[in-house]
N, C-alpha and C. Protein backbone atom coordinates (compact mmCIF):
# COMPACT_ATOMS: atom_id res chain seq x y z
N MET A 1 -55.55 -114.20 64.04
CA MET A 1 -56.16 -112.68 64.82
C MET A 1 -54.22 -111.72 64.74
N ASP A 2 -53.95 -110.76 64.05
CA ASP A 2 -53.21 -110.04 63.80
C ASP A 2 -53.01 -109.15 65.04
N PRO A 3 -52.23 -109.17 66.25
CA PRO A 3 -52.56 -108.00 67.13
C PRO A 3 -51.89 -106.67 66.58
N ALA A 4 -51.19 -106.26 65.36
CA ALA A 4 -50.60 -105.24 65.04
C ALA A 4 -51.58 -104.40 64.27
N ARG A 5 -53.17 -105.25 64.42
CA ARG A 5 -54.39 -104.59 64.15
C ARG A 5 -54.77 -103.74 65.18
N PHE A 6 -54.54 -104.30 66.29
CA PHE A 6 -55.31 -103.87 67.74
C PHE A 6 -54.88 -101.89 67.43
N ALA A 7 -53.82 -101.82 67.24
CA ALA A 7 -53.89 -100.12 67.21
C ALA A 7 -54.81 -99.26 66.24
N LEU A 8 -55.29 -100.02 65.31
CA LEU A 8 -56.02 -99.55 64.78
C LEU A 8 -57.21 -99.16 65.85
N TYR A 9 -57.73 -99.99 66.69
CA TYR A 9 -59.05 -100.09 67.38
C TYR A 9 -59.12 -98.85 68.42
N ALA A 10 -57.49 -98.41 68.78
CA ALA A 10 -57.81 -97.63 70.02
C ALA A 10 -58.43 -95.96 69.72
N GLY A 11 -59.25 -95.73 70.58
CA GLY A 11 -59.39 -93.98 70.21
C GLY A 11 -60.65 -94.42 71.42
N GLU A 12 -61.67 -92.85 71.06
CA GLU A 12 -62.29 -92.45 71.70
C GLU A 12 -63.59 -93.26 71.10
N TYR A 13 -64.62 -93.28 71.65
CA TYR A 13 -66.03 -93.57 71.07
C TYR A 13 -67.30 -93.27 71.50
N LEU A 14 -68.37 -92.89 71.44
CA LEU A 14 -69.67 -92.70 72.16
C LEU A 14 -71.18 -93.29 71.74
N ASP A 15 -71.46 -93.96 72.33
CA ASP A 15 -72.51 -94.61 72.34
C ASP A 15 -73.56 -93.38 73.04
N PRO A 16 -74.57 -92.62 72.66
CA PRO A 16 -75.06 -91.48 73.57
C PRO A 16 -76.26 -92.33 74.20
N TYR A 17 -76.95 -93.51 74.00
CA TYR A 17 -77.95 -94.17 74.17
C TYR A 17 -77.81 -95.29 75.18
N ASN A 18 -76.76 -95.75 75.60
CA ASN A 18 -76.57 -96.72 75.92
C ASN A 18 -75.51 -96.87 76.86
N VAL A 19 -74.23 -96.97 76.34
CA VAL A 19 -73.07 -97.44 77.38
C VAL A 19 -72.42 -96.01 77.29
N GLY A 20 -73.06 -94.96 76.84
CA GLY A 20 -72.01 -93.75 77.12
C GLY A 20 -70.66 -93.89 76.09
N LYS A 21 -69.39 -93.05 76.72
CA LYS A 21 -67.96 -92.92 76.18
C LYS A 21 -67.58 -94.45 76.36
N MET A 22 -66.73 -94.73 75.51
CA MET A 22 -66.22 -95.63 75.46
C MET A 22 -64.53 -95.60 75.21
N THR A 23 -63.32 -95.88 76.13
CA THR A 23 -61.85 -95.44 75.42
C THR A 23 -61.29 -97.18 75.29
N VAL A 24 -60.56 -96.90 74.04
CA VAL A 24 -60.03 -98.62 73.72
C VAL A 24 -58.68 -98.33 73.64
N THR A 25 -57.84 -98.78 73.86
CA THR A 25 -56.64 -99.05 74.28
C THR A 25 -56.07 -100.35 73.99
N THR A 26 -54.55 -100.31 73.72
CA THR A 26 -54.01 -101.79 73.77
C THR A 26 -52.58 -101.73 74.38
N ASP A 27 -52.02 -102.85 74.62
CA ASP A 27 -50.66 -102.92 74.78
C ASP A 27 -49.74 -103.51 73.58
N GLY A 28 -50.31 -103.73 72.96
CA GLY A 28 -49.66 -103.83 71.33
C GLY A 28 -49.80 -105.58 71.38
N LYS A 29 -50.69 -106.71 72.49
CA LYS A 29 -50.54 -107.82 72.74
C LYS A 29 -52.09 -108.31 73.22
N ASP A 30 -52.72 -107.22 73.74
CA ASP A 30 -54.34 -106.83 74.16
C ASP A 30 -54.58 -105.71 74.13
N VAL A 31 -56.35 -106.04 73.73
CA VAL A 31 -57.26 -104.95 73.92
C VAL A 31 -57.87 -104.64 74.96
N PHE A 32 -57.94 -103.59 75.35
CA PHE A 32 -59.33 -102.84 76.56
C PHE A 32 -59.73 -101.69 75.97
N VAL A 33 -60.84 -101.95 77.28
CA VAL A 33 -62.12 -100.73 77.22
C VAL A 33 -62.16 -100.19 78.50
N ASP A 34 -62.51 -99.22 78.27
CA ASP A 34 -63.01 -98.34 79.66
C ASP A 34 -64.15 -97.50 79.70
N LEU A 35 -64.98 -97.92 80.43
CA LEU A 35 -66.64 -97.55 80.47
C LEU A 35 -66.95 -96.97 81.18
N PRO A 36 -66.49 -95.57 81.58
CA PRO A 36 -67.01 -94.78 82.82
C PRO A 36 -68.45 -95.18 83.07
N ALA A 37 -69.39 -95.07 82.33
CA ALA A 37 -70.75 -95.17 82.87
C ALA A 37 -71.11 -96.53 83.28
N LEU A 38 -70.36 -97.80 82.97
CA LEU A 38 -70.90 -98.92 84.09
C LEU A 38 -69.96 -98.74 84.94
N GLU A 39 -69.27 -98.07 85.52
CA GLU A 39 -68.49 -97.97 86.55
C GLU A 39 -69.38 -97.25 87.49
N GLN A 40 -69.82 -96.31 87.29
CA GLN A 40 -70.26 -95.12 87.36
C GLN A 40 -71.48 -96.10 88.35
N LEU A 41 -71.99 -96.86 87.62
CA LEU A 41 -73.73 -98.11 88.04
C LEU A 41 -72.88 -99.04 88.31
N GLN A 42 -71.38 -99.23 88.77
CA GLN A 42 -71.51 -100.17 89.69
C GLN A 42 -71.67 -101.43 89.17
N ILE A 43 -71.74 -101.63 87.86
CA ILE A 43 -71.68 -102.92 86.67
C ILE A 43 -70.89 -103.30 86.23
N PRO A 44 -70.22 -104.39 87.15
CA PRO A 44 -68.93 -105.12 86.83
C PRO A 44 -68.37 -105.45 85.61
N TYR A 45 -67.03 -105.28 84.93
CA TYR A 45 -67.03 -105.95 83.72
C TYR A 45 -65.35 -105.90 83.56
N ASN A 46 -64.75 -107.31 82.65
CA ASN A 46 -63.23 -106.88 82.72
C ASN A 46 -63.01 -106.21 81.46
N PRO A 47 -62.26 -105.26 81.97
CA PRO A 47 -61.82 -104.19 80.93
C PRO A 47 -61.02 -105.00 79.66
N LYS A 48 -60.41 -105.93 79.63
CA LYS A 48 -59.72 -106.99 78.93
C LYS A 48 -60.54 -107.88 77.54
N LEU A 49 -60.65 -107.19 76.54
CA LEU A 49 -61.39 -108.03 75.55
C LEU A 49 -60.70 -109.54 75.08
N GLN A 50 -61.54 -110.11 74.85
CA GLN A 50 -60.70 -111.23 74.24
C GLN A 50 -61.04 -111.58 72.84
N CYS A 51 -60.11 -110.86 72.04
CA CYS A 51 -59.93 -111.03 70.40
C CYS A 51 -59.75 -112.14 70.18
N TYR A 52 -61.03 -112.68 69.18
CA TYR A 52 -60.64 -114.43 68.74
C TYR A 52 -60.56 -114.42 67.12
N VAL A 53 -61.05 -113.55 66.50
CA VAL A 53 -60.63 -113.64 65.15
C VAL A 53 -61.23 -111.85 64.16
N ARG A 54 -60.22 -111.61 63.48
CA ARG A 54 -60.05 -110.37 63.03
C ARG A 54 -61.37 -109.30 62.88
N ASP A 55 -60.86 -108.37 63.97
CA ASP A 55 -61.83 -107.34 64.34
C ASP A 55 -63.33 -107.54 65.07
N ASN A 56 -63.12 -108.63 65.88
CA ASN A 56 -64.11 -109.31 66.42
C ASN A 56 -63.53 -109.54 68.25
N CYS A 57 -64.30 -109.66 69.09
CA CYS A 57 -63.72 -109.60 70.29
C CYS A 57 -64.78 -110.07 71.25
N LEU A 58 -64.51 -110.21 72.74
CA LEU A 58 -65.87 -110.78 73.60
C LEU A 58 -65.93 -109.68 74.47
N PHE A 59 -66.02 -109.12 74.92
CA PHE A 59 -66.64 -108.21 76.05
C PHE A 59 -67.24 -109.07 77.11
N THR A 60 -66.45 -109.42 78.60
CA THR A 60 -66.83 -109.89 79.59
C THR A 60 -68.06 -108.94 80.46
N PHE A 61 -69.15 -109.20 80.85
CA PHE A 61 -69.46 -108.51 82.35
C PHE A 61 -69.80 -109.44 82.73
N THR A 62 -70.11 -109.02 84.39
CA THR A 62 -70.44 -109.89 85.78
C THR A 62 -71.41 -109.64 86.27
N GLN A 63 -72.20 -108.91 86.03
CA GLN A 63 -73.41 -108.42 86.72
C GLN A 63 -74.65 -109.77 86.29
N GLY A 64 -74.85 -110.53 87.66
CA GLY A 64 -75.79 -111.34 87.18
C GLY A 64 -75.01 -112.86 86.85
N GLY A 65 -74.04 -113.11 86.94
CA GLY A 65 -73.59 -114.19 86.16
C GLY A 65 -72.20 -113.78 85.11
N VAL A 66 -71.71 -114.39 84.70
CA VAL A 66 -70.77 -114.44 83.42
C VAL A 66 -71.37 -114.10 82.49
N GLN A 67 -71.07 -113.17 81.75
CA GLN A 67 -71.89 -112.97 80.42
C GLN A 67 -70.92 -112.53 79.41
N GLN A 68 -71.10 -113.36 78.26
CA GLN A 68 -69.89 -112.39 77.32
C GLN A 68 -70.62 -112.21 75.81
N LEU A 69 -70.24 -111.09 75.69
CA LEU A 69 -71.20 -110.03 74.57
C LEU A 69 -70.00 -110.18 73.42
N PRO A 70 -70.46 -110.27 71.97
CA PRO A 70 -69.48 -110.18 71.14
C PRO A 70 -69.57 -108.64 70.45
N VAL A 71 -68.34 -108.43 70.11
CA VAL A 71 -68.38 -106.84 69.79
C VAL A 71 -67.46 -106.64 68.49
N THR A 72 -67.69 -105.56 67.69
CA THR A 72 -67.22 -105.60 66.33
C THR A 72 -66.90 -104.31 66.11
N PHE A 73 -65.23 -104.58 65.49
CA PHE A 73 -64.99 -103.13 65.17
C PHE A 73 -65.00 -103.17 63.68
N ILE A 74 -65.83 -102.05 63.33
CA ILE A 74 -66.33 -101.60 61.56
C ILE A 74 -65.57 -100.38 61.23
N PHE A 75 -64.88 -100.93 60.46
CA PHE A 75 -64.02 -100.23 59.65
C PHE A 75 -64.49 -99.39 58.25
N ASP A 76 -63.62 -98.28 58.26
CA ASP A 76 -64.44 -96.99 57.19
C ASP A 76 -64.45 -98.03 55.81
N ASP A 77 -64.81 -97.29 54.64
CA ASP A 77 -64.41 -98.21 53.46
C ASP A 77 -63.24 -98.88 52.85
N ALA A 78 -62.36 -97.51 53.09
CA ALA A 78 -60.87 -98.00 53.12
C ALA A 78 -60.08 -98.67 53.70
N ASP A 79 -60.81 -99.24 55.18
CA ASP A 79 -59.86 -100.56 56.20
C ASP A 79 -59.30 -99.83 56.56
N THR A 80 -59.06 -98.01 56.54
CA THR A 80 -57.88 -97.90 57.39
C THR A 80 -58.15 -97.42 58.73
N LYS A 81 -59.49 -96.73 59.08
CA LYS A 81 -59.95 -96.11 60.46
C LYS A 81 -61.04 -96.82 60.70
N VAL A 82 -61.16 -96.97 62.42
CA VAL A 82 -62.38 -98.12 62.97
C VAL A 82 -63.68 -96.97 62.88
N GLU A 83 -64.32 -96.63 62.50
CA GLU A 83 -66.09 -95.74 62.88
C GLU A 83 -66.69 -95.92 63.91
N TYR A 84 -67.19 -97.66 63.79
CA TYR A 84 -68.03 -97.98 64.65
C TYR A 84 -67.11 -99.38 65.79
N ILE A 85 -68.05 -99.26 67.06
CA ILE A 85 -67.76 -100.55 67.50
C ILE A 85 -68.89 -101.06 67.62
N ARG A 86 -69.87 -102.35 67.61
CA ARG A 86 -70.75 -102.42 67.03
C ARG A 86 -71.06 -103.72 68.42
N ALA A 87 -72.22 -103.99 68.62
CA ALA A 87 -72.46 -104.98 69.76
C ALA A 87 -74.29 -105.25 69.48
N ARG A 88 -74.84 -105.96 69.95
CA ARG A 88 -76.00 -106.42 69.90
C ARG A 88 -76.81 -104.98 70.73
N PRO A 89 -76.50 -104.80 72.10
CA PRO A 89 -77.33 -103.58 72.85
C PRO A 89 -77.11 -102.39 72.52
N PHE A 90 -75.81 -101.78 71.76
CA PHE A 90 -75.29 -101.02 71.73
C PHE A 90 -74.24 -100.63 70.49
N VAL A 91 -74.20 -99.47 69.68
CA VAL A 91 -73.33 -99.08 68.76
C VAL A 91 -72.66 -97.77 68.81
N ALA A 92 -71.18 -97.98 69.33
CA ALA A 92 -70.52 -96.77 69.28
C ALA A 92 -69.81 -95.80 68.25
N LYS A 93 -70.13 -94.96 67.78
CA LYS A 93 -69.16 -93.95 66.79
C LYS A 93 -67.59 -93.44 67.41
N ARG A 94 -67.10 -93.88 66.62
CA ARG A 94 -65.84 -93.14 66.96
C ARG A 94 -65.87 -91.45 66.99
N VAL A 95 -65.31 -90.50 68.17
CA VAL A 95 -65.23 -89.29 68.20
C VAL A 95 -63.65 -89.23 68.30
N GLU A 96 -63.56 -88.23 67.93
CA GLU A 96 -62.01 -87.20 67.48
C GLU A 96 -61.74 -86.52 69.32
N ALA A 97 -62.50 -86.27 69.94
CA ALA A 97 -62.31 -86.12 71.39
C ALA A 97 -63.52 -86.17 72.44
N ALA A 98 -63.21 -86.42 73.67
CA ALA A 98 -63.98 -86.97 74.66
C ALA A 98 -65.02 -85.81 74.40
N PRO A 99 -66.40 -86.07 74.92
CA PRO A 99 -67.02 -85.38 75.13
C PRO A 99 -66.83 -84.56 76.09
N ASP A 100 -67.35 -82.83 75.85
CA ASP A 100 -66.97 -82.05 76.93
C ASP A 100 -68.19 -82.32 77.83
N ALA A 101 -67.84 -81.64 79.01
CA ALA A 101 -68.52 -81.55 80.40
C ALA A 101 -70.07 -80.52 80.25
N GLY A 102 -69.33 -79.73 79.10
CA GLY A 102 -70.58 -78.85 79.76
C GLY A 102 -72.34 -79.75 78.54
N ASN A 103 -71.66 -81.00 77.83
CA ASN A 103 -72.42 -81.85 76.69
C ASN A 103 -72.30 -83.50 77.27
N PRO A 104 -72.47 -83.57 78.24
CA PRO A 104 -72.49 -85.02 78.63
C PRO A 104 -73.48 -85.72 78.28
N PRO A 105 -72.80 -87.24 77.60
CA PRO A 105 -74.05 -88.07 77.23
C PRO A 105 -75.26 -88.28 77.86
N PRO A 106 -76.33 -88.30 77.54
CA PRO A 106 -77.37 -88.73 78.60
C PRO A 106 -77.18 -89.87 79.28
N PRO A 107 -77.88 -90.26 80.00
CA PRO A 107 -77.79 -91.03 81.60
C PRO A 107 -78.30 -92.60 80.60
N PRO A 108 -77.65 -93.32 81.13
CA PRO A 108 -78.64 -94.93 80.73
C PRO A 108 -79.63 -95.14 80.50
N PRO A 109 -80.52 -96.22 80.06
CA PRO A 109 -81.45 -96.42 80.48
C PRO A 109 -82.42 -96.84 82.23
N PRO A 110 -83.37 -96.56 82.75
CA PRO A 110 -83.67 -96.39 83.69
C PRO A 110 -82.65 -98.09 84.75
N GLU A 111 -83.14 -98.88 83.90
CA GLU A 111 -82.67 -100.13 84.47
C GLU A 111 -81.06 -100.12 84.20
N ALA A 112 -80.76 -100.18 84.93
CA ALA A 112 -78.91 -100.06 85.04
C ALA A 112 -78.63 -101.53 85.00
N ARG A 113 -78.78 -101.73 84.31
CA ARG A 113 -77.90 -103.15 83.67
C ARG A 113 -77.86 -103.92 82.19
N LEU A 114 -76.60 -104.14 81.70
CA LEU A 114 -76.52 -104.31 80.63
C LEU A 114 -76.96 -105.82 80.75
N ASP A 115 -78.21 -106.10 79.75
CA ASP A 115 -78.45 -107.18 80.13
C ASP A 115 -79.06 -107.92 78.80
N ILE A 116 -78.23 -109.09 78.30
CA ILE A 116 -78.71 -109.46 77.19
C ILE A 116 -79.39 -110.79 77.26
N GLY A 117 -79.93 -111.01 77.89
CA GLY A 117 -80.75 -112.51 78.61
C GLY A 117 -81.22 -113.09 77.24
N SER A 118 -82.31 -112.14 77.19
CA SER A 118 -83.73 -112.00 75.86
C SER A 118 -83.22 -112.18 74.76
N TRP A 119 -82.12 -111.61 74.21
CA TRP A 119 -81.63 -111.74 73.08
C TRP A 119 -80.32 -113.13 72.60
N VAL A 120 -80.05 -113.51 73.90
CA VAL A 120 -79.56 -114.97 73.98
C VAL A 120 -80.41 -116.08 73.63
N ARG A 121 -81.52 -115.74 74.31
CA ARG A 121 -82.64 -116.38 74.42
C ARG A 121 -83.44 -117.23 72.96
N ALA A 122 -83.37 -115.75 72.27
CA ALA A 122 -83.75 -115.55 71.24
C ALA A 122 -82.89 -116.09 69.96
N ALA A 123 -81.48 -116.23 69.96
CA ALA A 123 -81.03 -116.45 69.26
C ALA A 123 -80.62 -118.13 69.32
N ARG A 124 -80.85 -118.54 70.69
CA ARG A 124 -80.80 -119.90 70.74
C ARG A 124 -81.96 -120.47 69.95
N SER A 125 -82.86 -119.70 70.21
CA SER A 125 -84.23 -120.48 69.55
C SER A 125 -84.26 -120.68 67.93
N GLN A 126 -83.43 -119.72 67.55
CA GLN A 126 -83.47 -119.62 66.33
C GLN A 126 -82.18 -120.68 65.24
N SER A 127 -82.76 -121.15 64.37
CA SER A 127 -81.70 -122.55 63.81
C SER A 127 -80.90 -121.86 62.78
N HIS A 128 -81.29 -120.25 62.17
CA HIS A 128 -80.55 -119.90 61.29
C HIS A 128 -79.58 -118.68 61.68
N SER A 129 -79.61 -118.89 63.52
CA SER A 129 -78.94 -117.58 63.94
C SER A 129 -77.66 -117.71 63.32
N PRO A 130 -76.82 -116.42 62.97
CA PRO A 130 -75.35 -116.60 62.95
C PRO A 130 -74.44 -116.76 64.06
N VAL A 131 -75.02 -116.50 65.48
CA VAL A 131 -74.47 -116.46 66.29
C VAL A 131 -74.54 -117.95 67.35
N ARG A 132 -75.50 -118.69 66.81
CA ARG A 132 -75.79 -120.09 67.49
C ARG A 132 -74.49 -121.09 67.84
N TRP A 133 -73.72 -120.82 67.23
CA TRP A 133 -72.32 -121.76 67.14
C TRP A 133 -71.99 -121.14 68.57
N PHE A 134 -71.88 -119.29 68.97
CA PHE A 134 -71.30 -119.22 69.69
C PHE A 134 -71.90 -119.53 71.19
N LEU A 135 -73.47 -119.73 71.13
CA LEU A 135 -74.29 -119.67 72.47
C LEU A 135 -74.22 -120.95 72.88
N ARG A 136 -74.04 -121.59 72.15
CA ARG A 136 -73.87 -123.45 72.71
C ARG A 136 -73.31 -123.56 73.75
């Protein structure tokens, strides 16, 4: 893990279907996320990502127990700018500016919780699953 790469992750992202606006920042040694929609819904999460390998981190939220969600920063073809943040329940695209107040992102789904339980159970049941090592 090269902390110098963290500056490339910083920016504004938007997932209009699930988590809404995401702001990613760094202090040079750690990466942080701010998710106003989760805060508004009182879904507790740790703003500090646990980066464990190049361009991959764990996002921890604590609704219904501690759960960690792998997230990946996906770069453009030139490997110079992050275009997306990808996780199982969402994909956020980099935006140049925060969405304006006149066009806010749609609200999250009616079930106000980030629940990856069914995904975890399915991944554990698949012997060929690439995330099997992480879920044990």
